[in-house]
Amino acid sequence: MSEQSQMQKFILVMGLAVGLPSTMVGLFFLLHQLVQKGYISWNVLLIVMVTVVVAVLGLMVRNVLVRKGK
């Protein structure tokens, strides 16, 4: 595997890892506003946040496994 492709893999995984906290904070504030206005319940907020975390972690694992095979 060339050094260039290893660097691209590293940047992709690091981008997802760095993006996770900022995504969670932004999503929390948006959903919290919706809870305060009564559009959604607290349980919906938690379900959406857990779903986003699982999806991003799944993308990270998938990218590592796909790139590992190349």
PDB file of N, CA and C in Angstrom:
ATOM      1  N   MET A   1       0.859  -1.177   0.000  1.00  0.00           N
ATOM      2  CA  MET A   1       0.000   0.000   0.000  1.00  0.00           C
ATOM      3  C   MET A   1       0.900   1.233   0.000  1.00  0.00           C
ATOM      4  N   SER A   2       0.618   2.154  -0.846  1.00  0.00           N
ATOM      5  CA  SER A   2       1.460   3.341  -0.953  1.00  0.00           C
ATOM      6  C   SER A   2       1.218   4.289   0.216  1.00  0.00           C
ATOM      7  N   GLU A   3       2.187   5.134   0.430  1.00  0.00           N
ATOM      8  CA  GLU A   3       2.095   6.102   1.518  1.00  0.00           C
ATOM      9  C   GLU A   3       0.962   7.086   1.282  1.00  0.00           C
ATOM     10  N   GLN A   4       0.699   7.436   0.026  1.00  0.00           N
ATOM     11  CA  GLN A   4      -0.380   8.367  -0.325  1.00  0.00           C
ATOM     12  C   GLN A   4      -1.743   7.794   0.051  1.00  0.00           C
ATOM     13  N   SER A   5      -1.985   6.507  -0.264  1.00  0.00           N
ATOM     14  CA  SER A   5      -3.288   5.918   0.055  1.00  0.00           C
ATOM     15  C   SER A   5      -3.453   5.721   1.557  1.00  0.00           C
ATOM     16  N   GLN A   6      -2.362   5.455   2.259  1.00  0.00           N
ATOM     17  CA  GLN A   6      -2.441   5.338   3.716  1.00  0.00           C
ATOM     18  C   GLN A   6      -2.801   6.686   4.334  1.00  0.00           C
ATOM     19  N   MET A   7      -2.250   7.749   3.790  1.00  0.00           N
ATOM     20  CA  MET A   7      -2.544   9.086   4.292  1.00  0.00           C
ATOM     21  C   MET A   7      -4.003   9.455   4.015  1.00  0.00           C
ATOM     22  N   GLN A   8      -4.514   9.075   2.853  1.00  0.00           N
ATOM     23  CA  GLN A   8      -5.917   9.358   2.538  1.00  0.00           C
ATOM     24  C   GLN A   8      -6.843   8.612   3.483  1.00  0.00           C
ATOM     25  N   LYS A   9      -6.506   7.360   3.795  1.00  0.00           N
ATOM     26  CA  LYS A   9      -7.312   6.576   4.732  1.00  0.00           C
ATOM     27  C   LYS A   9      -7.293   7.237   6.111  1.00  0.00           C
ATOM     28  N   PHE A  10      -6.112   7.656   6.533  1.00  0.00           N
ATOM     29  CA  PHE A  10      -5.969   8.302   7.830  1.00  0.00           C
ATOM     30  C   PHE A  10      -6.783   9.584   7.895  1.00  0.00           C
ATOM     31  N   ILE A  11      -6.724  10.387   6.849  1.00  0.00           N
ATOM     32  CA  ILE A  11      -7.458  11.656   6.820  1.00  0.00           C
ATOM     33  C   ILE A  11      -8.968  11.408   6.844  1.00  0.00           C
ATOM     34  N   LEU A  12      -9.431  10.401   6.120  1.00  0.00           N
ATOM     35  CA  LEU A  12     -10.859  10.083   6.093  1.00  0.00           C
ATOM     36  C   LEU A  12     -11.360   9.672   7.471  1.00  0.00           C
ATOM     37  N   VAL A  13     -10.650   8.768   8.118  1.00  0.00           N
ATOM     38  CA  VAL A  13     -11.066   8.301   9.443  1.00  0.00           C
ATOM     39  C   VAL A  13     -10.953   9.423  10.466  1.00  0.00           C
ATOM     40  N   MET A  14      -9.897  10.213  10.398  1.00  0.00           N
ATOM     41  CA  MET A  14      -9.748  11.326  11.337  1.00  0.00           C
ATOM     42  C   MET A  14     -10.833  12.383  11.119  1.00  0.00           C
ATOM     43  N   GLY A  15     -11.212  12.603   9.870  1.00  0.00           N
ATOM     44  CA  GLY A  15     -12.289  13.547   9.586  1.00  0.00           C
ATOM     45  C   GLY A  15     -13.595  13.108  10.214  1.00  0.00           C
ATOM     46  N   LEU A  16     -13.894  11.823  10.120  1.00  0.00           N
ATOM     47  CA  LEU A  16     -15.111  11.314  10.760  1.00  0.00           C
ATOM     48  C   LEU A  16     -15.007  11.395  12.275  1.00  0.00           C
ATOM     49  N   ALA A  17     -13.836  11.072  12.822  1.00  0.00           N
ATOM     50  CA  ALA A  17     -13.655  11.102  14.277  1.00  0.00           C
ATOM     51  C   ALA A  17     -13.755  12.523  14.820  1.00  0.00           C
ATOM     52  N   VAL A  18     -13.213  13.494  14.110  1.00  0.00           N
ATOM     53  CA  VAL A  18     -13.285  14.887  14.547  1.00  0.00           C
ATOM     54  C   VAL A  18     -14.687  15.446  14.323  1.00  0.00           C
ATOM     55  N   GLY A  19     -15.341  14.997  13.285  1.00  0.00           N
ATOM     56  CA  GLY A  19     -16.680  15.486  12.982  1.00  0.00           C
ATOM     57  C   GLY A  19     -17.742  14.984  13.934  1.00  0.00           C
ATOM     58  N   LEU A  20     -17.508  13.855  14.580  1.00  0.00           N
ATOM     59  CA  LEU A  20     -18.513  13.288  15.476  1.00  0.00           C
ATOM     60  C   LEU A  20     -18.864  14.225  16.635  1.00  0.00           C
ATOM     61  N   PRO A  21     -17.898  14.751  17.388  1.00  0.00           N
ATOM     62  CA  PRO A  21     -18.280  15.633  18.507  1.00  0.00           C
ATOM     63  C   PRO A  21     -18.994  16.905  18.054  1.00  0.00           C
ATOM     64  N   SER A  22     -18.526  17.518  16.985  1.00  0.00           N
ATOM     65  CA  SER A  22     -19.180  18.753  16.542  1.00  0.00           C
ATOM     66  C   SER A  22     -20.582  18.467  16.011  1.00  0.00           C
ATOM     67  N   THR A  23     -20.752  17.331  15.361  1.00  0.00           N
ATOM     68  CA  THR A  23     -22.085  16.928  14.906  1.00  0.00           C
ATOM     69  C   THR A  23     -23.014  16.704  16.087  1.00  0.00           C
ATOM     70  N   MET A  24     -22.510  16.063  17.121  1.00  0.00           N
ATOM     71  CA  MET A  24     -23.331  15.784  18.296  1.00  0.00           C
ATOM     72  C   MET A  24     -23.739  17.075  19.011  1.00  0.00           C
ATOM     73  N   VAL A  25     -22.820  18.009  19.161  1.00  0.00           N
ATOM     74  CA  VAL A  25     -23.136  19.272  19.848  1.00  0.00           C
ATOM     75  C   VAL A  25     -24.169  20.068  19.050  1.00  0.00           C
ATOM     76  N   GLY A  26     -23.949  20.201  17.749  1.00  0.00           N
ATOM     77  CA  GLY A  26     -24.893  20.942  16.918  1.00  0.00           C
ATOM     78  C   GLY A  26     -26.262  20.297  16.890  1.00  0.00           C
ATOM     79  N   LEU A  27     -26.269  18.979  16.742  1.00  0.00           N
ATOM     80  CA  LEU A  27     -27.533  18.250  16.711  1.00  0.00           C
ATOM     81  C   LEU A  27     -28.260  18.368  18.045  1.00  0.00           C
ATOM     82  N   PHE A  28     -27.515  18.294  19.154  1.00  0.00           N
ATOM     83  CA  PHE A  28     -28.149  18.415  20.460  1.00  0.00           C
ATOM     84  C   PHE A  28     -28.833  19.762  20.626  1.00  0.00           C
ATOM     85  N   PHE A  29     -28.132  20.853  20.263  1.00  0.00           N
ATOM     86  CA  PHE A  29     -28.732  22.176  20.432  1.00  0.00           C
ATOM     87  C   PHE A  29     -29.964  22.354  19.541  1.00  0.00           C
ATOM     88  N   LEU A  30     -29.905  21.849  18.337  1.00  0.00           N
ATOM     89  CA  LEU A  30     -31.062  21.929  17.449  1.00  0.00           C
ATOM     90  C   LEU A  30     -32.247  21.145  18.017  1.00  0.00           C
ATOM     91  N   LEU A  31     -31.989  19.902  18.412  1.00  0.00           N
ATOM     92  CA  LEU A  31     -33.073  19.075  18.940  1.00  0.00           C
ATOM     93  C   LEU A  31     -33.570  19.590  20.281  1.00  0.00           C
ATOM     94  N   HIS A  32     -32.684  20.157  21.084  1.00  0.00           N
ATOM     95  CA  HIS A  32     -33.105  20.709  22.372  1.00  0.00           C
ATOM     96  C   HIS A  32     -34.082  21.876  22.168  1.00  0.00           C
ATOM     97  N   GLN A  33     -33.826  22.676  21.149  1.00  0.00           N
ATOM     98  CA  GLN A  33     -34.761  23.761  20.829  1.00  0.00           C
ATOM     99  C   GLN A  33     -36.129  23.191  20.436  1.00  0.00           C
ATOM    100  N   LEU A  34     -36.111  22.105  19.677  1.00  0.00           N
ATOM    101  CA  LEU A  34     -37.381  21.477  19.282  1.00  0.00           C
ATOM    102  C   LEU A  34     -38.110  20.894  20.482  1.00  0.00           C
ATOM    103  N   VAL A  35     -37.352  20.349  21.451  1.00  0.00           N
ATOM    104  CA  VAL A  35     -37.982  19.822  22.670  1.00  0.00           C
ATOM    105  C   VAL A  35     -38.599  20.972  23.467  1.00  0.00           C
ATOM    106  N   GLN A  36     -37.876  22.075  23.588  1.00  0.00           N
ATOM    107  CA  GLN A  36     -38.394  23.213  24.350  1.00  0.00           C
ATOM    108  C   GLN A  36     -39.664  23.780  23.724  1.00  0.00           C
ATOM    109  N   LYS A  37     -39.740  23.768  22.406  1.00  0.00           N
ATOM    110  CA  LYS A  37     -40.930  24.290  21.733  1.00  0.00           C
ATOM    111  C   LYS A  37     -42.064  23.271  21.690  1.00  0.00           C
ATOM    112  N   GLY A  38     -41.788  22.042  22.098  1.00  0.00           N
ATOM    113  CA  GLY A  38     -42.817  21.022  22.180  1.00  0.00           C
ATOM    114  C   GLY A  38     -43.064  20.252  20.891  1.00  0.00           C
ATOM    115  N   TYR A  39     -42.181  20.389  19.914  1.00  0.00           N
ATOM    116  CA  TYR A  39     -42.367  19.666  18.646  1.00  0.00           C
ATOM    117  C   TYR A  39     -42.015  18.183  18.763  1.00  0.00           C
ATOM    118  N   ILE A  40     -41.015  17.883  19.588  1.00  0.00           N
ATOM    119  CA  ILE A  40     -40.607  16.487  19.793  1.00  0.00           C
ATOM    120  C   ILE A  40     -40.437  16.246  21.287  1.00  0.00           C
ATOM    121  N   SER A  41     -40.390  14.980  21.669  1.00  0.00           N
ATOM    122  CA  SER A  41     -40.189  14.647  23.078  1.00  0.00           C
ATOM    123  C   SER A  41     -38.705  14.392  23.341  1.00  0.00           C
ATOM    124  N   TRP A  42     -38.369  14.310  24.631  1.00  0.00           N
ATOM    125  CA  TRP A  42     -36.989  14.055  25.030  1.00  0.00           C
ATOM    126  C   TRP A  42     -36.533  12.682  24.521  1.00  0.00           C
ATOM    127  N   ASN A  43     -37.440  11.715  24.510  1.00  0.00           N
ATOM    128  CA  ASN A  43     -37.094  10.373  24.035  1.00  0.00           C
ATOM    129  C   ASN A  43     -36.719  10.387  22.553  1.00  0.00           C
ATOM    130  N   VAL A  44     -37.389  11.181  21.756  1.00  0.00           N
ATOM    131  CA  VAL A  44     -37.057  11.300  20.338  1.00  0.00           C
ATOM    132  C   VAL A  44     -35.665  11.896  20.183  1.00  0.00           C
ATOM    133  N   LEU A  45     -35.344  12.899  20.993  1.00  0.00           N
ATOM    134  CA  LEU A  45     -34.011  13.499  20.967  1.00  0.00           C
ATOM    135  C   LEU A  45     -32.949  12.435  21.217  1.00  0.00           C
ATOM    136  N   LEU A  46     -33.149  11.627  22.240  1.00  0.00           N
ATOM    137  CA  LEU A  46     -32.171  10.595  22.565  1.00  0.00           C
ATOM    138  C   LEU A  46     -32.046   9.551  21.459  1.00  0.00           C
ATOM    139  N   ILE A  47     -33.163   9.152  20.885  1.00  0.00           N
ATOM    140  CA  ILE A  47     -33.133   8.153  19.819  1.00  0.00           C
ATOM    141  C   ILE A  47     -32.387   8.680  18.600  1.00  0.00           C
ATOM    142  N   VAL A  48     -32.643   9.926  18.230  1.00  0.00           N
ATOM    143  CA  VAL A  48     -31.961  10.518  17.073  1.00  0.00           C
ATOM    144  C   VAL A  48     -30.462  10.631  17.332  1.00  0.00           C
ATOM    145  N   MET A  49     -30.081  11.057  18.523  1.00  0.00           N
ATOM    146  CA  MET A  49     -28.658  11.207  18.823  1.00  0.00           C
ATOM    147  C   MET A  49     -27.934   9.864  18.834  1.00  0.00           C
ATOM    148  N   VAL A  50     -28.544   8.861  19.413  1.00  0.00           N
ATOM    149  CA  VAL A  50     -27.920   7.525  19.425  1.00  0.00           C
ATOM    150  C   VAL A  50     -27.806   6.982  18.004  1.00  0.00           C
ATOM    151  N   THR A  51     -28.822   7.210  17.195  1.00  0.00           N
ATOM    152  CA  THR A  51     -28.789   6.752  15.808  1.00  0.00           C
ATOM    153  C   THR A  51     -27.653   7.419  15.030  1.00  0.00           C
ATOM    154  N   VAL A  52     -27.466   8.711  15.234  1.00  0.00           N
ATOM    155  CA  VAL A  52     -26.388   9.426  14.538  1.00  0.00           C
ATOM    156  C   VAL A  52     -25.022   8.907  14.981  1.00  0.00           C
ATOM    157  N   VAL A  53     -24.840   8.680  16.271  1.00  0.00           N
ATOM    158  CA  VAL A  53     -23.564   8.161  16.769  1.00  0.00           C
ATOM    159  C   VAL A  53     -23.270   6.795  16.175  1.00  0.00           C
ATOM    160  N   VAL A  54     -24.249   5.917  16.172  1.00  0.00           N
ATOM    161  CA  VAL A  54     -24.057   4.576  15.620  1.00  0.00           C
ATOM    162  C   VAL A  54     -23.754   4.642  14.127  1.00  0.00           C
ATOM    163  N   ALA A  55     -24.422   5.524  13.412  1.00  0.00           N
ATOM    164  CA  ALA A  55     -24.188   5.651  11.972  1.00  0.00           C
ATOM    165  C   ALA A  55     -22.773   6.148  11.675  1.00  0.00           C
ATOM    166  N   VAL A  56     -22.310   7.146  12.413  1.00  0.00           N
ATOM    167  CA  VAL A  56     -20.965   7.682  12.172  1.00  0.00           C
ATOM    168  C   VAL A  56     -19.904   6.656  12.559  1.00  0.00           C
ATOM    169  N   LEU A  57     -20.087   5.985  13.672  1.00  0.00           N
ATOM    170  CA  LEU A  57     -19.138   4.943  14.053  1.00  0.00           C
ATOM    171  C   LEU A  57     -19.141   3.809  13.040  1.00  0.00           C
ATOM    172  N   GLY A  58     -20.305   3.467  12.516  1.00  0.00           N
ATOM    173  CA  GLY A  58     -20.386   2.451  11.471  1.00  0.00           C
ATOM    174  C   GLY A  58     -19.636   2.866  10.219  1.00  0.00           C
ATOM    175  N   LEU A  59     -19.748   4.137   9.834  1.00  0.00           N
ATOM    176  CA  LEU A  59     -18.985   4.640   8.684  1.00  0.00           C
ATOM    177  C   LEU A  59     -17.487   4.543   8.925  1.00  0.00           C
ATOM    178  N   MET A  60     -17.062   4.854  10.133  1.00  0.00           N
ATOM    179  CA  MET A  60     -15.638   4.773  10.445  1.00  0.00           C
ATOM    180  C   MET A  60     -15.140   3.336  10.331  1.00  0.00           C
ATOM    181  N   VAL A  61     -15.856   2.408  10.901  1.00  0.00           N
ATOM    182  CA  VAL A  61     -15.446   1.003  10.856  1.00  0.00           C
ATOM    183  C   VAL A  61     -15.479   0.482   9.425  1.00  0.00           C
ATOM    184  N   ARG A  62     -16.517   0.816   8.682  1.00  0.00           N
ATOM    185  CA  ARG A  62     -16.625   0.356   7.299  1.00  0.00           C
ATOM    186  C   ARG A  62     -15.469   0.875   6.450  1.00  0.00           C
ATOM    187  N   ASN A  63     -15.133   2.154   6.621  1.00  0.00           N
ATOM    188  CA  ASN A  63     -14.036   2.718   5.845  1.00  0.00           C
ATOM    189  C   ASN A  63     -12.711   2.063   6.169  1.00  0.00           C
ATOM    190  N   VAL A  64     -12.485   1.753   7.437  1.00  0.00           N
ATOM    191  CA  VAL A  64     -11.242   1.081   7.813  1.00  0.00           C
ATOM    192  C   VAL A  64     -11.204  -0.319   7.206  1.00  0.00           C
ATOM    193  N   LEU A  65     -12.301  -1.051   7.287  1.00  0.00           N
ATOM    194  CA  LEU A  65     -12.308  -2.420   6.771  1.00  0.00           C
ATOM    195  C   LEU A  65     -12.190  -2.460   5.253  1.00  0.00           C
ATOM    196  N   VAL A  66     -12.863  -1.538   4.550  1.00  0.00           N
ATOM    197  CA  VAL A  66     -12.798  -1.509   3.089  1.00  0.00           C
ATOM    198  C   VAL A  66     -11.402  -1.127   2.637  1.00  0.00           C
ATOM    199  N   ARG A  67     -10.819  -0.152   3.276  1.00  0.00           N
ATOM    200  CA  ARG A  67      -9.472   0.297   2.872  1.00  0.00           C
ATOM    201  C   ARG A  67      -8.413  -0.714   3.278  1.00  0.00           C
ATOM    202  N   LYS A  68      -8.653  -1.475   4.323  1.00  0.00           N
ATOM    203  CA  LYS A  68      -7.691  -2.477   4.767  1.00  0.00           C
ATOM    204  C   LYS A  68      -7.519  -3.571   3.717  1.00  0.00           C
ATOM    205  N   GLY A  69      -8.594  -3.907   3.032  1.00  0.00           N
ATOM    206  CA  GLY A  69      -8.566  -4.945   2.011  1.00  0.00           C
ATOM    207  C   GLY A  69      -7.852  -4.529   0.739  1.00  0.00           C
ATOM    208  N   LYS A  70      -7.659  -3.236   0.525  1.00  0.00           N
ATOM    209  CA  LYS A  70      -7.024  -2.760  -0.714  1.00  0.00           C
ATOM    210  C   LYS A  70      -5.525  -2.772  -0.603  1.00  0.00           C
TER     211      LYS A  70
END
